[in-house]
């Protein structure tokens, strides 16, 4: 009786390792963006929180997904899939925050350059 219980379906270790690599790289990009944006010469305003909050929540979800994937239990299909869903949610949130950050910076720059006498 070599029947596999569907709850015990396993992920190939090579596939899991590739997933960990992808999650780590994209997490590094997210952290790099927020670090670079924090050093932006445009002064931060309260409305920038609209962009910062989704980025930070997205980064937190990506870190959580990485922590789950680094555990040996993530070789179980259900745990691996859960970590993947958490990561995708974090990636989407971070991407939306990045888009908002770019839009806010663009609007800030275009408002300053539209002022008379601005150079």
Protein backbone atom coordinates (compact mmCIF):
# COMPACT_ATOMS: atom_id res chain seq x y z
CA UNK A 1 0.00 0.00 0.00
CA UNK A 2 2.05 2.83 -1.31
CA UNK A 3 -0.85 5.25 -1.60
CA UNK A 4 0.15 8.84 -0.92
CA UNK A 5 -2.10 10.91 1.27
CA UNK A 6 -2.92 14.14 -0.68
CA UNK A 7 -2.16 16.13 2.46
CA UNK A 8 1.38 14.77 2.37
CA UNK A 9 2.12 15.74 -1.23
CA UNK A 10 5.71 16.98 -1.38
CA UNK A 11 7.49 19.70 -3.35
CA UNK A 12 10.77 18.79 -5.02
CA UNK A 13 13.67 20.32 -3.05
CA UNK A 14 15.15 21.81 -6.25
CA UNK A 15 11.84 23.58 -6.97
CA UNK A 16 11.67 24.86 -3.38
CA UNK A 17 15.25 26.14 -3.60
CA UNK A 18 14.43 28.01 -6.80
CA UNK A 19 11.42 29.56 -5.13
CA UNK A 20 13.55 30.66 -2.18
CA UNK A 21 16.02 32.26 -4.60
CA UNK A 22 13.29 34.18 -6.42
CA UNK A 23 11.69 35.34 -3.17
CA UNK A 24 15.07 36.49 -1.84
CA UNK A 25 15.95 38.42 -4.98
CA UNK A 26 12.59 40.19 -5.23
CA UNK A 27 12.65 40.96 -1.51
CA UNK A 28 16.08 42.55 -2.00
CA UNK A 29 14.66 44.72 -4.81
CA UNK A 30 11.79 45.81 -2.55
CA UNK A 31 14.16 46.67 0.28
CA UNK A 32 16.48 48.44 -2.15
CA UNK A 33 13.64 50.57 -3.51
CA UNK A 34 12.45 51.72 -0.09
CA UNK A 35 16.05 52.49 0.91
CA UNK A 36 16.67 54.46 -2.27
CA UNK A 37 13.36 56.31 -1.97
CA UNK A 38 14.11 57.21 1.65
CA UNK A 39 17.30 58.92 0.43
CA UNK A 40 15.36 60.84 -2.26
CA UNK A 41 16.12 64.58 -2.17
CA UNK A 42 12.40 65.44 -2.43
CA UNK A 43 11.23 66.13 1.14
CA UNK A 44 8.76 63.60 2.52
CA UNK A 45 5.22 64.75 3.16
CA UNK A 46 2.38 63.11 5.07
CA UNK A 47 0.70 62.03 1.83
CA UNK A 48 3.73 59.87 1.03
CA UNK A 49 2.38 57.43 3.62
CA UNK A 50 -0.12 56.38 0.94
CA UNK A 51 2.83 54.80 -0.88
CA UNK A 52 5.04 53.85 2.07
CA UNK A 53 2.45 51.76 3.91
CA UNK A 54 1.73 49.29 1.10
CA UNK A 55 5.45 48.96 0.41
CA UNK A 56 6.22 48.21 4.06
CA UNK A 57 3.32 45.78 4.45
CA UNK A 58 4.37 44.13 1.18
CA UNK A 59 7.94 43.80 2.40
CA UNK A 60 6.72 42.31 5.69
CA UNK A 61 4.67 39.72 3.78
CA UNK A 62 7.64 38.89 1.57
CA UNK A 63 9.83 38.40 4.66
CA UNK A 64 7.15 36.18 6.19
CA UNK A 65 6.99 34.08 3.01
CA UNK A 66 10.77 33.72 2.98
CA UNK A 67 10.76 32.63 6.63
CA UNK A 68 8.13 29.98 5.87
CA UNK A 69 10.05 28.76 2.82
CA UNK A 70 13.30 28.46 4.76
CA UNK A 71 11.69 25.98 7.15
CA UNK A 72 12.09 22.33 6.13
CA UNK A 73 8.33 21.90 6.54
CA UNK A 74 7.90 23.96 3.36
CA UNK A 75 8.61 20.79 1.41
CA UNK A 76 4.96 19.95 2.13
CA UNK A 77 2.90 21.16 -0.80
CA UNK A 78 0.26 22.92 1.32
CA UNK A 79 2.85 24.93 3.27
CA UNK A 80 4.80 25.80 0.10
CA UNK A 81 1.60 26.96 -1.62
CA UNK A 82 0.63 29.07 1.41
CA UNK A 83 4.06 30.74 1.42
CA UNK A 84 3.75 31.39 -2.32
CA UNK A 85 0.36 33.07 -1.86
CA UNK A 86 1.72 35.23 0.97
CA UNK A 87 4.68 36.20 -1.20
CA UNK A 88 2.50 37.10 -4.20
CA UNK A 89 0.27 39.25 -1.97
CA UNK A 90 3.35 41.01 -0.61
CA UNK A 91 4.77 41.49 -4.08
CA UNK A 92 1.52 43.01 -5.35
CA UNK A 93 1.30 45.36 -2.37
CA UNK A 94 4.92 46.44 -2.76
CA UNK A 95 4.46 46.97 -6.52
CA UNK A 96 1.36 49.10 -5.92
CA UNK A 97 3.27 51.15 -3.35
CA UNK A 98 6.18 51.61 -5.76
CA UNK A 99 3.76 52.75 -8.46
CA UNK A 100 2.20 55.23 -6.05
CA UNK A 101 5.64 56.46 -4.97
CA UNK A 102 6.66 57.07 -8.57
CA UNK A 103 3.38 58.84 -9.27
CA UNK A 104 3.71 61.05 -6.17
CA UNK A 105 7.29 61.98 -7.08
CA UNK A 106 6.26 62.74 -10.65
CA UNK A 107 3.40 64.96 -9.47
CA UNK A 108 5.71 66.72 -7.01
CA UNK A 109 8.35 67.40 -9.66
CA UNK A 110 5.82 68.51 -12.28
CA UNK A 111 4.11 70.85 -9.78
CA UNK A 112 7.44 72.49 -8.92
CA UNK A 113 8.46 72.88 -12.55
CA UNK A 114 5.07 74.42 -13.42
CA UNK A 115 5.60 77.28 -10.98
CA UNK A 116 6.56 80.60 -12.56
CA UNK A 117 10.21 81.37 -12.03
CA UNK A 118 11.07 77.78 -11.10
CA UNK A 119 14.22 76.50 -12.72
